[in-house]
Amino acid sequence: VGISWPLRVNGLFAEGDYLVPLATTEAALVASYNRGSKLISACGGASAMLLNEGVTRTPGFAFENLAQAGQFVAWVVTQYDHFKALAESTTSHGKLTDISCNIEGNHVYLVFEFLTGDASGQNMVTIATNAVFEYIIEHTPVKPDHAFLDGNLSGDKKANTQTLRSVRGKKVTAEVNIPAELVEKYLHTTPEK
């Protein structure tokens, strides 16, 4: 366990010097973080910005044909307020912010997007989505042939394009402008090497 040198961050929300705790069996990694943190701070800090945040669950529904899938989607879009109330009744911190529909032939994937406060929120959004999922199965006017709580579109524990297009957790970006003389001083090399 180690702590890196204070890292200066100049963000829209995070502003100041931050110690970064590290848990690793590779002691050289802590030294490397220290060099990087010292260098970034010597340059005036890293500019950082939170671009987006959220966690998704994507229940999947398979229907006999495209017409049934379309009827299902037409019903779903009228249910947002009810789905929101159901989902948020399961958690004191999670907020359902959007539901979108992806139709692939006779399959429909509902993308439930949540804010989860300071929590990672994987279990939170699964429980909240399950409350809506059970309601859908019970009340939909068009019964699916098959239904899955997560249709693998959310990117949970697997890479997919949905994760790249949207967000899983917090999506941030940062930049540091490092003058050549500081590269030489702190990293003992040159930008050209």
N, C-alpha and C. Protein backbone atom coordinates (compact mmCIF):
# COMPACT_ATOMS: atom_id res chain seq x y z
N VAL A 1 0.86 -1.18 0.00
CA VAL A 1 0.00 0.00 0.00
C VAL A 1 0.89 1.23 0.00
N GLY A 2 0.56 2.18 -0.84
CA GLY A 2 1.33 3.41 -0.91
C GLY A 2 0.43 4.59 -1.23
N ILE A 3 1.01 5.78 -1.11
CA ILE A 3 0.29 7.00 -1.45
C ILE A 3 1.20 7.83 -2.34
N SER A 4 0.65 8.29 -3.45
CA SER A 4 1.48 9.07 -4.37
C SER A 4 1.60 10.51 -3.89
N TRP A 5 2.57 11.17 -4.45
CA TRP A 5 2.77 12.60 -4.24
C TRP A 5 1.47 13.34 -4.54
N PRO A 6 1.19 14.46 -3.88
CA PRO A 6 -0.05 15.18 -4.19
C PRO A 6 -0.14 15.57 -5.67
N LEU A 7 -1.24 15.21 -6.28
CA LEU A 7 -1.49 15.47 -7.70
C LEU A 7 -2.40 16.69 -7.81
N ARG A 8 -1.93 17.72 -8.49
CA ARG A 8 -2.73 18.94 -8.66
C ARG A 8 -3.75 18.73 -9.79
N VAL A 9 -5.01 19.00 -9.48
CA VAL A 9 -6.10 18.87 -10.45
C VAL A 9 -6.81 20.22 -10.56
N ASN A 10 -6.98 20.67 -11.79
CA ASN A 10 -7.69 21.92 -12.07
C ASN A 10 -8.95 21.57 -12.86
N GLY A 11 -9.96 21.11 -12.14
CA GLY A 11 -11.18 20.68 -12.80
C GLY A 11 -12.32 21.64 -12.58
N LEU A 12 -13.43 21.34 -13.21
CA LEU A 12 -14.63 22.15 -13.01
C LEU A 12 -15.19 21.94 -11.61
N PHE A 13 -15.03 20.73 -11.06
CA PHE A 13 -15.56 20.41 -9.74
C PHE A 13 -14.45 20.04 -8.76
N ALA A 14 -13.45 19.31 -9.22
CA ALA A 14 -12.31 18.94 -8.38
C ALA A 14 -11.21 19.97 -8.61
N GLU A 15 -10.82 20.64 -7.56
CA GLU A 15 -9.82 21.70 -7.65
C GLU A 15 -8.92 21.59 -6.44
N GLY A 16 -7.65 21.27 -6.66
CA GLY A 16 -6.73 21.19 -5.54
C GLY A 16 -5.70 20.10 -5.71
N ASP A 17 -5.00 19.80 -4.62
CA ASP A 17 -3.98 18.77 -4.61
C ASP A 17 -4.55 17.53 -3.94
N TYR A 18 -4.41 16.39 -4.59
CA TYR A 18 -5.00 15.15 -4.10
C TYR A 18 -3.95 14.07 -3.94
N LEU A 19 -3.97 13.41 -2.79
CA LEU A 19 -3.15 12.22 -2.58
C LEU A 19 -3.88 11.05 -3.23
N VAL A 20 -3.13 10.19 -3.91
CA VAL A 20 -3.74 9.04 -4.58
C VAL A 20 -3.30 7.77 -3.86
N PRO A 21 -4.23 7.10 -3.17
CA PRO A 21 -3.87 5.84 -2.51
C PRO A 21 -3.71 4.72 -3.53
N LEU A 22 -2.71 3.89 -3.33
CA LEU A 22 -2.42 2.79 -4.26
C LEU A 22 -2.27 1.49 -3.47
N ALA A 23 -2.90 0.45 -3.94
CA ALA A 23 -2.73 -0.88 -3.35
C ALA A 23 -2.18 -1.77 -4.46
N THR A 24 -0.93 -2.15 -4.33
CA THR A 24 -0.28 -2.94 -5.38
C THR A 24 0.81 -3.79 -4.76
N THR A 25 1.15 -4.86 -5.44
CA THR A 25 2.29 -5.66 -5.02
C THR A 25 3.55 -5.24 -5.77
N GLU A 26 3.41 -4.22 -6.62
CA GLU A 26 4.52 -3.73 -7.42
C GLU A 26 4.98 -2.38 -6.87
N ALA A 27 5.97 -2.40 -6.00
CA ALA A 27 6.43 -1.18 -5.34
C ALA A 27 6.92 -0.14 -6.34
N ALA A 28 7.51 -0.57 -7.44
CA ALA A 28 8.00 0.38 -8.44
C ALA A 28 6.86 1.20 -9.03
N LEU A 29 5.66 0.67 -9.01
CA LEU A 29 4.50 1.39 -9.53
C LEU A 29 4.22 2.64 -8.69
N VAL A 30 4.39 2.53 -7.38
CA VAL A 30 4.18 3.68 -6.50
C VAL A 30 5.21 4.76 -6.82
N ALA A 31 6.46 4.37 -7.03
CA ALA A 31 7.51 5.33 -7.39
C ALA A 31 7.19 5.99 -8.72
N SER A 32 6.69 5.23 -9.66
CA SER A 32 6.33 5.78 -10.97
C SER A 32 5.19 6.78 -10.85
N TYR A 33 4.18 6.45 -10.06
CA TYR A 33 3.08 7.40 -9.82
C TYR A 33 3.60 8.68 -9.17
N ASN A 34 4.54 8.54 -8.24
CA ASN A 34 5.12 9.72 -7.59
C ASN A 34 5.79 10.63 -8.61
N ARG A 35 6.61 10.05 -9.50
CA ARG A 35 7.27 10.86 -10.53
C ARG A 35 6.24 11.57 -11.40
N GLY A 36 5.23 10.85 -11.84
CA GLY A 36 4.20 11.45 -12.68
C GLY A 36 3.43 12.54 -11.97
N SER A 37 3.08 12.31 -10.70
CA SER A 37 2.34 13.32 -9.93
C SER A 37 3.18 14.57 -9.70
N LYS A 38 4.46 14.39 -9.37
CA LYS A 38 5.35 15.54 -9.19
C LYS A 38 5.44 16.35 -10.48
N LEU A 39 5.61 15.65 -11.60
CA LEU A 39 5.73 16.31 -12.90
C LEU A 39 4.45 17.08 -13.24
N ILE A 40 3.31 16.44 -13.11
CA ILE A 40 2.04 17.09 -13.43
C ILE A 40 1.83 18.31 -12.55
N SER A 41 2.11 18.18 -11.27
CA SER A 41 1.94 19.31 -10.35
C SER A 41 2.91 20.44 -10.67
N ALA A 42 4.15 20.09 -11.06
CA ALA A 42 5.14 21.11 -11.43
C ALA A 42 4.72 21.88 -12.68
N CYS A 43 3.91 21.26 -13.52
CA CYS A 43 3.40 21.92 -14.75
C CYS A 43 2.18 22.79 -14.46
N GLY A 44 1.77 22.83 -13.21
CA GLY A 44 0.58 23.62 -12.86
C GLY A 44 -0.66 22.77 -12.67
N GLY A 45 -0.54 21.47 -12.92
CA GLY A 45 -1.67 20.57 -12.68
C GLY A 45 -2.32 20.09 -13.97
N ALA A 46 -3.20 19.15 -13.80
CA ALA A 46 -3.95 18.57 -14.92
C ALA A 46 -5.31 19.24 -15.01
N SER A 47 -5.68 19.66 -16.20
CA SER A 47 -7.05 20.12 -16.42
C SER A 47 -7.91 18.88 -16.58
N ALA A 48 -9.06 18.86 -15.92
CA ALA A 48 -9.91 17.67 -15.96
C ALA A 48 -11.37 18.08 -16.06
N MET A 49 -12.13 17.22 -16.72
CA MET A 49 -13.55 17.52 -16.90
C MET A 49 -14.35 16.22 -16.88
N LEU A 50 -15.44 16.23 -16.13
CA LEU A 50 -16.40 15.13 -16.15
C LEU A 50 -17.31 15.35 -17.35
N LEU A 51 -17.32 14.40 -18.27
CA LEU A 51 -18.12 14.52 -19.49
C LEU A 51 -19.53 13.97 -19.31
N ASN A 52 -19.63 12.88 -18.58
CA ASN A 52 -20.92 12.22 -18.43
C ASN A 52 -20.81 11.22 -17.30
N GLU A 53 -21.95 10.84 -16.74
CA GLU A 53 -21.93 9.78 -15.74
C GLU A 53 -23.24 9.02 -15.80
N GLY A 54 -23.17 7.78 -15.40
CA GLY A 54 -24.37 6.96 -15.37
C GLY A 54 -24.03 5.48 -15.43
N VAL A 55 -25.03 4.69 -15.14
CA VAL A 55 -24.92 3.24 -15.20
C VAL A 55 -26.18 2.74 -15.89
N THR A 56 -26.03 1.75 -16.76
CA THR A 56 -27.19 1.27 -17.50
C THR A 56 -27.48 -0.19 -17.21
N ARG A 57 -28.71 -0.56 -17.42
CA ARG A 57 -29.16 -1.95 -17.51
C ARG A 57 -30.02 -2.02 -18.75
N THR A 58 -29.94 -3.14 -19.45
CA THR A 58 -30.64 -3.25 -20.74
C THR A 58 -31.42 -4.55 -20.84
N PRO A 59 -32.61 -4.59 -20.26
CA PRO A 59 -33.40 -5.81 -20.42
C PRO A 59 -33.72 -6.06 -21.89
N GLY A 60 -33.73 -7.35 -22.25
CA GLY A 60 -34.01 -7.73 -23.62
C GLY A 60 -35.31 -8.52 -23.71
N PHE A 61 -36.05 -8.29 -24.78
CA PHE A 61 -37.34 -8.95 -24.99
C PHE A 61 -37.39 -9.46 -26.43
N ALA A 62 -37.71 -10.74 -26.60
CA ALA A 62 -37.83 -11.34 -27.94
C ALA A 62 -39.30 -11.62 -28.22
N PHE A 63 -39.76 -11.19 -29.38
CA PHE A 63 -41.17 -11.35 -29.76
C PHE A 63 -41.28 -12.25 -30.98
N GLU A 64 -42.50 -12.66 -31.27
CA GLU A 64 -42.74 -13.54 -32.41
C GLU A 64 -42.38 -12.85 -33.72
N ASN A 65 -42.63 -11.53 -33.80
CA ASN A 65 -42.37 -10.83 -35.05
C ASN A 65 -42.13 -9.34 -34.77
N LEU A 66 -41.75 -8.62 -35.80
CA LEU A 66 -41.46 -7.19 -35.70
C LEU A 66 -42.69 -6.39 -35.28
N ALA A 67 -43.86 -6.76 -35.78
CA ALA A 67 -45.08 -6.04 -35.43
C ALA A 67 -45.32 -6.07 -33.91
N GLN A 68 -45.13 -7.23 -33.30
CA GLN A 68 -45.29 -7.32 -31.84
C GLN A 68 -44.24 -6.48 -31.12
N ALA A 69 -43.01 -6.50 -31.63
CA ALA A 69 -41.95 -5.68 -31.04
C ALA A 69 -42.34 -4.21 -31.09
N GLY A 70 -42.89 -3.77 -32.22
CA GLY A 70 -43.33 -2.38 -32.36
C GLY A 70 -44.47 -2.03 -31.41
N GLN A 71 -45.42 -2.94 -31.24
CA GLN A 71 -46.53 -2.70 -30.30
C GLN A 71 -46.00 -2.58 -28.87
N PHE A 72 -45.03 -3.41 -28.55
CA PHE A 72 -44.42 -3.37 -27.22
C PHE A 72 -43.75 -2.02 -26.98
N VAL A 73 -42.96 -1.56 -27.94
CA VAL A 73 -42.28 -0.27 -27.81
C VAL A 73 -43.29 0.87 -27.68
N ALA A 74 -44.36 0.81 -28.45
CA ALA A 74 -45.40 1.85 -28.37
C ALA A 74 -45.99 1.91 -26.96
N TRP A 75 -46.14 0.76 -26.31
CA TRP A 75 -46.64 0.74 -24.93
C TRP A 75 -45.58 1.27 -23.96
N VAL A 76 -44.33 0.81 -24.13
CA VAL A 76 -43.24 1.20 -23.22
C VAL A 76 -43.09 2.71 -23.14
N VAL A 77 -43.14 3.40 -24.27
CA VAL A 77 -42.89 4.85 -24.25
C VAL A 77 -43.98 5.62 -23.50
N THR A 78 -45.12 5.00 -23.27
CA THR A 78 -46.18 5.66 -22.49
C THR A 78 -46.01 5.42 -20.99
N GLN A 79 -45.06 4.59 -20.61
CA GLN A 79 -44.93 4.14 -19.22
C GLN A 79 -43.77 4.78 -18.45
N TYR A 80 -43.07 5.75 -19.03
CA TYR A 80 -41.85 6.27 -18.41
C TYR A 80 -42.07 6.71 -16.96
N ASP A 81 -43.05 7.53 -16.69
CA ASP A 81 -43.25 8.03 -15.33
C ASP A 81 -43.50 6.89 -14.35
N HIS A 82 -44.27 5.90 -14.76
CA HIS A 82 -44.53 4.76 -13.88
C HIS A 82 -43.26 3.94 -13.67
N PHE A 83 -42.51 3.69 -14.75
CA PHE A 83 -41.26 2.95 -14.63
C PHE A 83 -40.28 3.68 -13.72
N LYS A 84 -40.20 5.00 -13.85
CA LYS A 84 -39.30 5.81 -13.02
C LYS A 84 -39.67 5.66 -11.55
N ALA A 85 -40.95 5.76 -11.24
CA ALA A 85 -41.40 5.63 -9.84
C ALA A 85 -41.09 4.23 -9.30
N LEU A 86 -41.33 3.20 -10.09
CA LEU A 86 -41.03 1.83 -9.66
C LEU A 86 -39.54 1.66 -9.39
N ALA A 87 -38.71 2.08 -10.33
CA ALA A 87 -37.26 1.91 -10.19
C ALA A 87 -36.75 2.66 -8.97
N GLU A 88 -37.17 3.89 -8.80
CA GLU A 88 -36.65 4.71 -7.71
C GLU A 88 -37.21 4.31 -6.35
N SER A 89 -38.29 3.52 -6.33
CA SER A 89 -38.83 3.04 -5.05
C SER A 89 -37.92 1.99 -4.42
N THR A 90 -36.96 1.46 -5.17
CA THR A 90 -36.08 0.41 -4.66
C THR A 90 -34.79 0.95 -4.07
N THR A 91 -34.54 2.25 -4.20
CA THR A 91 -33.26 2.82 -3.79
C THR A 91 -33.43 4.24 -3.26
N SER A 92 -32.60 4.60 -2.31
CA SER A 92 -32.65 5.98 -1.81
C SER A 92 -31.66 6.89 -2.54
N HIS A 93 -30.80 6.31 -3.36
CA HIS A 93 -29.78 7.11 -4.05
C HIS A 93 -29.90 7.08 -5.57
N GLY A 94 -30.40 6.01 -6.14
CA GLY A 94 -30.46 5.87 -7.59
C GLY A 94 -31.58 6.69 -8.20
N LYS A 95 -31.29 7.28 -9.36
CA LYS A 95 -32.28 8.07 -10.10
C LYS A 95 -32.30 7.57 -11.54
N LEU A 96 -33.48 7.18 -12.02
CA LEU A 96 -33.64 6.80 -13.42
C LEU A 96 -33.72 8.08 -14.24
N THR A 97 -32.79 8.25 -15.17
CA THR A 97 -32.73 9.50 -15.94
C THR A 97 -33.25 9.36 -17.36
N ASP A 98 -33.27 8.13 -17.89
CA ASP A 98 -33.74 7.97 -19.27
C ASP A 98 -34.01 6.50 -19.55
N ILE A 99 -34.91 6.28 -20.48
CA ILE A 99 -35.14 4.95 -21.05
C ILE A 99 -35.20 5.13 -22.55
N SER A 100 -34.38 4.38 -23.26
CA SER A 100 -34.45 4.40 -24.72
C SER A 100 -34.67 2.97 -25.21
N CYS A 101 -35.16 2.86 -26.42
CA CYS A 101 -35.48 1.56 -27.00
C CYS A 101 -34.60 1.29 -28.20
N ASN A 102 -33.98 0.12 -28.23
CA ASN A 102 -33.24 -0.34 -29.40
C ASN A 102 -33.98 -1.54 -29.96
N ILE A 103 -34.38 -1.44 -31.21
CA ILE A 103 -35.10 -2.53 -31.86
C ILE A 103 -34.16 -3.19 -32.87
N GLU A 104 -33.98 -4.48 -32.72
CA GLU A 104 -33.17 -5.29 -33.65
C GLU A 104 -34.06 -6.42 -34.13
N GLY A 105 -34.72 -6.21 -35.26
CA GLY A 105 -35.65 -7.22 -35.76
C GLY A 105 -36.79 -7.40 -34.78
N ASN A 106 -37.01 -8.64 -34.35
CA ASN A 106 -38.08 -8.91 -33.39
C ASN A 106 -37.61 -8.85 -31.94
N HIS A 107 -36.42 -8.31 -31.72
CA HIS A 107 -35.88 -8.14 -30.36
C HIS A 107 -35.90 -6.67 -29.98
N VAL A 108 -36.26 -6.41 -28.73
CA VAL A 108 -36.27 -5.04 -28.20
C VAL A 108 -35.37 -5.02 -26.97
N TYR A 109 -34.48 -4.04 -26.93
CA TYR A 109 -33.62 -3.82 -25.77
C TYR A 109 -33.97 -2.46 -25.19
N LEU A 110 -34.36 -2.44 -23.93
CA LEU A 110 -34.66 -1.19 -23.25
C LEU A 110 -33.40 -0.75 -22.51
N VAL A 111 -32.93 0.44 -22.77
CA VAL A 111 -31.72 0.95 -22.12
C VAL A 111 -32.15 1.86 -20.98
N PHE A 112 -32.03 1.37 -19.75
CA PHE A 112 -32.36 2.13 -18.55
C PHE A 112 -31.08 2.82 -18.08
N GLU A 113 -31.09 4.14 -18.03
CA GLU A 113 -29.91 4.90 -17.59
C GLU A 113 -30.18 5.49 -16.21
N PHE A 114 -29.22 5.30 -15.31
CA PHE A 114 -29.35 5.74 -13.92
C PHE A 114 -28.18 6.62 -13.51
N LEU A 115 -28.43 7.51 -12.57
CA LEU A 115 -27.39 8.15 -11.77
C LEU A 115 -27.40 7.42 -10.44
N THR A 116 -26.21 7.14 -9.90
CA THR A 116 -26.12 6.33 -8.69
C THR A 116 -25.40 7.03 -7.54
N GLY A 117 -25.32 8.35 -7.59
CA GLY A 117 -24.66 9.08 -6.51
C GLY A 117 -23.19 8.71 -6.44
N ASP A 118 -22.69 8.49 -5.24
CA ASP A 118 -21.29 8.15 -5.05
C ASP A 118 -21.02 6.65 -5.20
N ALA A 119 -22.08 5.86 -5.38
CA ALA A 119 -21.92 4.41 -5.48
C ALA A 119 -21.58 4.00 -6.91
N SER A 120 -20.87 2.89 -7.04
CA SER A 120 -20.68 2.29 -8.37
C SER A 120 -22.04 1.91 -8.93
N GLY A 121 -22.88 1.33 -8.10
CA GLY A 121 -24.29 1.17 -8.42
C GLY A 121 -24.70 -0.04 -9.23
N GLN A 122 -23.82 -1.01 -9.43
CA GLN A 122 -24.19 -2.17 -10.24
C GLN A 122 -25.38 -2.93 -9.65
N ASN A 123 -25.31 -3.23 -8.37
CA ASN A 123 -26.43 -3.93 -7.73
C ASN A 123 -27.66 -3.03 -7.66
N MET A 124 -27.44 -1.76 -7.37
CA MET A 124 -28.54 -0.79 -7.26
C MET A 124 -29.37 -0.75 -8.54
N VAL A 125 -28.70 -0.64 -9.69
CA VAL A 125 -29.45 -0.53 -10.94
C VAL A 125 -30.06 -1.86 -11.37
N THR A 126 -29.42 -2.96 -10.98
CA THR A 126 -30.01 -4.27 -11.28
C THR A 126 -31.31 -4.45 -10.51
N ILE A 127 -31.31 -4.11 -9.23
CA ILE A 127 -32.52 -4.24 -8.41
C ILE A 127 -33.61 -3.30 -8.91
N ALA A 128 -33.24 -2.07 -9.22
CA ALA A 128 -34.22 -1.09 -9.71
C ALA A 128 -34.81 -1.52 -11.05
N THR A 129 -33.94 -1.98 -11.95
CA THR A 129 -34.42 -2.44 -13.26
C THR A 129 -35.28 -3.68 -13.12
N ASN A 130 -34.93 -4.56 -12.18
CA ASN A 130 -35.72 -5.77 -11.98
C ASN A 130 -37.15 -5.44 -11.55
N ALA A 131 -37.32 -4.41 -10.74
CA ALA A 131 -38.68 -4.02 -10.33
C ALA A 131 -39.50 -3.63 -11.56
N VAL A 132 -38.91 -2.90 -12.48
CA VAL A 132 -39.60 -2.50 -13.71
C VAL A 132 -39.80 -3.71 -14.62
N PHE A 133 -38.77 -4.55 -14.72
CA PHE A 133 -38.82 -5.75 -15.56
C PHE A 133 -39.99 -6.64 -15.15
N GLU A 134 -40.13 -6.88 -13.85
CA GLU A 134 -41.23 -7.73 -13.36
C GLU A 134 -42.59 -7.09 -13.67
N TYR A 135 -42.67 -5.77 -13.54
CA TYR A 135 -43.91 -5.07 -13.89
C TYR A 135 -44.22 -5.23 -15.38
N ILE A 136 -43.20 -5.09 -16.20
CA ILE A 136 -43.39 -5.23 -17.65
C ILE A 136 -43.93 -6.62 -17.99
N ILE A 137 -43.29 -7.64 -17.45
CA ILE A 137 -43.71 -9.02 -17.74
C ILE A 137 -45.17 -9.23 -17.33
N GLU A 138 -45.56 -8.66 -16.22
CA GLU A 138 -46.93 -8.82 -15.70
C GLU A 138 -47.96 -8.00 -16.48
N HIS A 139 -47.59 -6.80 -16.95
CA HIS A 139 -48.58 -5.86 -17.47
C HIS A 139 -48.51 -5.54 -18.96
N THR A 140 -47.46 -5.94 -19.64
CA THR A 140 -47.36 -5.59 -21.06
C THR A 140 -48.53 -6.19 -21.85
N PRO A 141 -49.09 -5.42 -22.76
CA PRO A 141 -50.19 -5.95 -23.57
C PRO A 141 -49.71 -6.93 -24.64
N VAL A 142 -48.40 -6.96 -24.88
CA VAL A 142 -47.82 -7.89 -25.86
C VAL A 142 -46.78 -8.73 -25.13
N LYS A 143 -47.09 -9.99 -24.90
CA LYS A 143 -46.20 -10.86 -24.13
C LYS A 143 -45.01 -11.31 -24.98
N PRO A 144 -43.79 -11.14 -24.46
CA PRO A 144 -42.62 -11.61 -25.21
C PRO A 144 -42.50 -13.14 -25.15
N ASP A 145 -41.85 -13.70 -26.17
CA ASP A 145 -41.55 -15.13 -26.15
C ASP A 145 -40.46 -15.43 -25.12
N HIS A 146 -39.50 -14.50 -25.02
CA HIS A 146 -38.39 -14.64 -24.07
C HIS A 146 -38.07 -13.25 -23.53
N ALA A 147 -37.60 -13.21 -22.28
CA ALA A 147 -37.21 -11.93 -21.67
C ALA A 147 -36.02 -12.16 -20.76
N PHE A 148 -35.11 -11.17 -20.74
CA PHE A 148 -33.88 -11.27 -19.97
C PHE A 148 -33.67 -9.96 -19.23
N LEU A 149 -33.34 -10.05 -17.95
CA LEU A 149 -33.12 -8.84 -17.15
C LEU A 149 -32.01 -7.98 -17.73
N ASP A 150 -30.96 -8.61 -18.25
CA ASP A 150 -29.93 -7.84 -18.94
C ASP A 150 -29.62 -8.53 -20.25
N GLY A 151 -29.85 -7.83 -21.33
CA GLY A 151 -29.65 -8.37 -22.67
C GLY A 151 -28.25 -8.18 -23.21
N ASN A 152 -27.28 -7.92 -22.33
CA ASN A 152 -25.86 -7.77 -22.67
C ASN A 152 -25.54 -6.51 -23.48
N LEU A 153 -26.44 -5.57 -23.52
CA LEU A 153 -26.16 -4.32 -24.22
C LEU A 153 -25.57 -3.27 -23.28
N SER A 154 -25.65 -3.50 -21.97
CA SER A 154 -25.18 -2.51 -21.01
C SER A 154 -23.66 -2.47 -20.89
N GLY A 155 -22.99 -3.52 -21.33
CA GLY A 155 -21.53 -3.56 -21.22
C GLY A 155 -21.03 -3.99 -19.86
N ASP A 156 -21.90 -4.54 -19.04
CA ASP A 156 -21.49 -4.99 -17.72
C ASP A 156 -20.60 -6.23 -17.86
N LYS A 157 -19.35 -6.09 -17.46
CA LYS A 157 -18.36 -7.16 -17.48
C LYS A 157 -18.01 -7.65 -18.88
N LYS A 158 -18.30 -6.84 -19.89
CA LYS A 158 -17.92 -7.20 -21.25
C LYS A 158 -17.85 -5.95 -22.10
N ALA A 159 -16.98 -5.97 -23.07
CA ALA A 159 -16.84 -4.80 -23.94
C ALA A 159 -17.92 -4.83 -25.01
N ASN A 160 -18.47 -3.66 -25.31
CA ASN A 160 -19.38 -3.54 -26.45
C ASN A 160 -19.43 -2.08 -26.88
N THR A 161 -20.03 -1.83 -28.01
CA THR A 161 -20.05 -0.47 -28.54
C THR A 161 -20.93 0.47 -27.73
N GLN A 162 -21.92 -0.07 -27.03
CA GLN A 162 -22.79 0.77 -26.19
C GLN A 162 -21.95 1.49 -25.13
N THR A 163 -20.98 0.79 -24.58
CA THR A 163 -20.12 1.38 -23.56
C THR A 163 -19.32 2.55 -24.15
N LEU A 164 -18.87 2.41 -25.38
CA LEU A 164 -18.12 3.49 -26.02
C LEU A 164 -19.01 4.66 -26.38
N ARG A 165 -20.25 4.39 -26.78
CA ARG A 165 -21.16 5.46 -27.19
C ARG A 165 -21.77 6.20 -26.01
N SER A 166 -21.93 5.52 -24.90
CA SER A 166 -22.57 6.18 -23.76
C SER A 166 -21.58 6.26 -22.60
N VAL A 167 -21.98 5.78 -21.46
CA VAL A 167 -21.12 5.89 -20.28
C VAL A 167 -21.35 4.70 -19.37
N ARG A 168 -20.32 4.33 -18.67
CA ARG A 168 -20.42 3.28 -17.66
C ARG A 168 -19.62 3.78 -16.47
N GLY A 169 -20.30 4.36 -15.51
CA GLY A 169 -19.63 5.01 -14.40
C GLY A 169 -19.47 6.48 -14.69
N LYS A 170 -18.24 6.94 -14.68
CA LYS A 170 -17.97 8.35 -15.00
C LYS A 170 -17.03 8.41 -16.19
N LYS A 171 -17.39 9.22 -17.16
CA LYS A 171 -16.53 9.42 -18.33
C LYS A 171 -15.85 10.77 -18.16
N VAL A 172 -14.52 10.74 -18.08
CA VAL A 172 -13.75 11.96 -17.84
C VAL A 172 -12.68 12.12 -18.92
N THR A 173 -12.19 13.33 -19.02
CA THR A 173 -11.04 13.59 -19.88
C THR A 173 -10.11 14.53 -19.12
N ALA A 174 -8.83 14.45 -19.43
CA ALA A 174 -7.85 15.31 -18.75
C ALA A 174 -6.72 15.63 -19.72
N GLU A 175 -6.04 16.73 -19.44
CA GLU A 175 -4.87 17.08 -20.25
C GLU A 175 -3.83 17.76 -19.37
N VAL A 176 -2.58 17.59 -19.80
CA VAL A 176 -1.45 18.24 -19.15
C VAL A 176 -0.51 18.71 -20.26
N ASN A 177 -0.08 19.94 -20.20
CA ASN A 177 0.93 20.45 -21.12
C ASN A 177 2.27 20.42 -20.39
N ILE A 178 3.19 19.61 -20.90
CA ILE A 178 4.46 19.39 -20.22
C ILE A 178 5.59 19.99 -21.04
N PRO A 179 6.24 21.04 -20.54
CA PRO A 179 7.40 21.62 -21.24
C PRO A 179 8.57 20.63 -21.27
N ALA A 180 9.35 20.70 -22.34
CA ALA A 180 10.47 19.78 -22.53
C ALA A 180 11.43 19.79 -21.35
N GLU A 181 11.69 20.99 -20.79
CA GLU A 181 12.67 21.05 -19.68
C GLU A 181 12.19 20.28 -18.45
N LEU A 182 10.86 20.22 -18.24
CA LEU A 182 10.35 19.45 -17.10
C LEU A 182 10.36 17.95 -17.38
N VAL A 183 10.21 17.56 -18.63
CA VAL A 183 10.36 16.14 -19.00
C VAL A 183 11.79 15.71 -18.66
N GLU A 184 12.76 16.55 -19.03
CA GLU A 184 14.16 16.23 -18.76
C GLU A 184 14.44 16.19 -17.26
N LYS A 185 13.90 17.16 -16.51
CA LYS A 185 14.17 17.26 -15.08
C LYS A 185 13.56 16.10 -14.29
N TYR A 186 12.30 15.76 -14.57
CA TYR A 186 11.60 14.77 -13.75
C TYR A 186 11.66 13.34 -14.30
N LEU A 187 11.76 13.20 -15.62
CA LEU A 187 11.74 11.86 -16.21
C LEU A 187 13.09 11.44 -16.78
N HIS A 188 14.07 12.37 -16.76
CA HIS A 188 15.43 12.08 -17.21
C HIS A 188 15.46 11.55 -18.64
N THR A 189 14.67 12.20 -19.49
CA THR A 189 14.64 11.87 -20.92
C THR A 189 14.21 13.12 -21.67
N THR A 190 13.98 13.00 -22.95
CA THR A 190 13.50 14.14 -23.74
C THR A 190 12.22 13.72 -24.46
N PRO A 191 11.39 14.69 -24.86
CA PRO A 191 10.18 14.33 -25.61
C PRO A 191 10.49 13.61 -26.92
N GLU A 192 11.65 13.90 -27.50
CA GLU A 192 12.01 13.28 -28.77
C GLU A 192 12.34 11.79 -28.61
N LYS A 193 12.81 11.39 -27.45
CA LYS A 193 13.16 9.98 -27.23
C LYS A 193 11.90 9.22 -26.99
